[in-house]
Amino acid sequence: MQFVVLCAIIPDAQEEKVIEMTKKAGAGSVTIVHGKNIGLEEKKVFFGLTLEENVSVLLFILPKKISTSIFKVLKNELKLDNKNHSNGIIFTFPLTHLAGLDIDEIELFEEEVKNEL
């Protein structure tokens, strides 16, 4: 089975919504990293404090066949093609080596892939 990492960098406020969407679409566990977004535009300053957008980086390890459907769900639900407002960014990259994935999660993925066939 081939695996990929699906990475979603989204505003913190969207985190729970995105996790719920991806679980419904067949994702298993997720690793969450919190950070700040530094874009091209100058940051707003309010009483000497720089206001930066807090983001969540969600990392999913998924079978390649499942990752495509989850990618499409996120792209559509977050309206990532909207040119006026950014709701995040998503991308995938292949995994060539993988160790430590939970056996229960592998069995879940195998069942999901069988159902798609």
Protein backbone atom coordinates (compact mmCIF):
# COMPACT_ATOMS: atom_id res chain seq x y z
CA MET A 1 0.00 0.00 0.00
CA GLN A 2 1.39 3.41 -0.96
CA PHE A 3 1.09 6.24 1.57
CA VAL A 4 1.16 10.03 1.28
CA VAL A 5 1.19 12.90 3.71
CA LEU A 6 -1.68 15.32 3.30
CA CYS A 7 -0.78 18.66 4.85
CA ALA A 8 -3.45 21.29 5.56
CA ILE A 9 -2.37 24.72 6.78
CA ILE A 10 -5.52 26.45 7.96
CA PRO A 11 -6.65 29.23 10.30
CA ASP A 12 -6.89 28.02 13.92
CA ALA A 13 -10.62 28.75 13.93
CA GLN A 14 -11.14 26.09 11.22
CA GLU A 15 -9.22 23.31 13.01
CA GLU A 16 -12.12 21.36 14.57
CA LYS A 17 -14.27 21.70 11.45
CA VAL A 18 -11.50 20.36 9.22
CA ILE A 19 -10.72 17.44 11.53
CA GLU A 20 -14.40 16.47 11.59
CA MET A 21 -14.63 16.70 7.77
CA THR A 22 -11.54 14.57 7.21
CA LYS A 23 -12.64 11.89 9.67
CA LYS A 24 -16.02 11.63 7.89
CA ALA A 25 -14.12 11.31 4.59
CA GLY A 26 -12.02 8.40 5.91
CA ALA A 27 -8.95 9.90 7.58
CA GLY A 28 -7.56 8.36 10.73
CA SER A 29 -5.34 10.16 13.17
CA VAL A 30 -3.81 13.60 12.67
CA THR A 31 -0.75 15.43 14.00
CA ILE A 32 -1.37 19.10 14.75
CA VAL A 33 1.32 21.78 14.86
CA HIS A 34 0.45 25.39 15.75
CA GLY A 35 2.16 28.38 14.18
CA LYS A 36 1.81 31.88 12.80
CA ASN A 37 1.21 32.95 9.22
CA ILE A 38 3.54 35.56 7.75
CA GLY A 39 2.12 36.61 4.39
CA LEU A 40 3.08 39.18 1.79
CA GLU A 41 0.97 41.96 3.28
CA GLU A 42 2.20 44.12 6.15
CA LYS A 43 0.84 43.03 9.54
CA LYS A 44 -1.63 45.17 11.44
CA VAL A 45 -0.36 46.89 14.58
CA PHE A 46 -2.79 47.65 17.42
CA PHE A 47 -1.46 49.57 20.45
CA GLY A 48 2.06 48.43 19.63
CA LEU A 49 1.12 44.74 19.27
CA THR A 50 1.52 43.05 15.92
CA LEU A 51 -1.56 41.04 15.02
CA GLU A 52 -0.62 37.83 13.26
CA GLU A 53 -2.90 35.07 12.10
CA ASN A 54 -2.51 31.87 14.11
CA VAL A 55 -2.62 28.73 11.97
CA SER A 56 -2.88 25.00 12.49
CA VAL A 57 -0.77 22.63 10.43
CA LEU A 58 -2.61 19.31 10.16
CA LEU A 59 -0.55 16.31 9.00
CA PHE A 60 -2.40 13.18 7.90
CA ILE A 61 -0.70 9.95 6.82
CA LEU A 62 -3.08 8.33 4.34
CA PRO A 63 -3.19 5.65 1.68
CA LYS A 64 -2.79 7.29 -1.71
CA LYS A 65 -6.27 6.20 -2.89
CA ILE A 66 -8.02 7.76 0.13
CA SER A 67 -5.93 10.94 0.08
CA THR A 68 -7.42 12.07 -3.24
CA SER A 69 -11.01 12.04 -1.97
CA ILE A 70 -10.04 13.79 1.29
CA PHE A 71 -8.09 16.40 -0.69
CA LYS A 72 -11.18 17.11 -2.82
CA VAL A 73 -13.42 17.42 0.25
CA LEU A 74 -11.08 19.96 1.86
CA LYS A 75 -10.61 21.92 -1.37
CA ASN A 76 -14.37 22.25 -1.88
CA GLU A 77 -15.47 22.79 1.74
CA LEU A 78 -12.76 25.37 2.50
CA LYS A 79 -13.35 27.08 -0.87
CA LEU A 80 -9.62 27.17 -1.58
CA ASP A 81 -10.17 28.51 -5.10
CA ASN A 82 -11.56 31.77 -3.68
CA LYS A 83 -9.23 34.54 -4.87
CA ASN A 84 -10.58 37.16 -2.44
CA HIS A 85 -10.02 35.31 0.82
CA SER A 86 -7.60 32.56 1.78
CA ASN A 87 -8.97 29.77 3.95
CA GLY A 88 -5.70 27.88 3.92
CA ILE A 89 -3.55 25.72 1.72
CA ILE A 90 -3.43 21.95 1.25
CA PHE A 91 -0.90 19.73 -0.46
CA THR A 92 0.33 16.14 -0.49
CA PHE A 93 3.71 14.52 -0.81
CA PRO A 94 4.64 10.84 -1.15
CA LEU A 95 6.17 8.74 1.62
CA THR A 96 8.90 6.33 0.65
CA HIS A 97 9.58 4.91 4.13
CA LEU A 98 7.15 4.56 7.02
CA ALA A 99 7.40 2.94 10.44
CA GLY A 100 5.26 3.13 13.56
CA LEU A 101 1.80 3.43 12.02
CA ASP A 102 -0.84 1.90 14.31
CA ILE A 103 -1.97 -1.57 13.15
CA ASP A 104 -5.63 -0.67 13.80
CA GLU A 105 -5.28 2.32 11.51
CA ILE A 106 -3.72 0.21 8.75
CA GLU A 107 -6.65 -2.23 9.00
CA LEU A 108 -9.09 0.69 8.82
CA PHE A 109 -7.34 2.02 5.72
CA GLU A 110 -7.38 -1.41 4.08
CA GLU A 111 -11.14 -1.62 4.68
CA GLU A 112 -11.64 1.90 3.24
CA VAL A 113 -9.65 1.02 0.10
CA LYS A 114 -11.63 -2.22 -0.36
CA ASN A 115 -14.89 -0.26 -0.12
CA GLU A 116 -13.71 2.16 -2.82
CA LEU A 117 -12.99 -0.71 -5.20
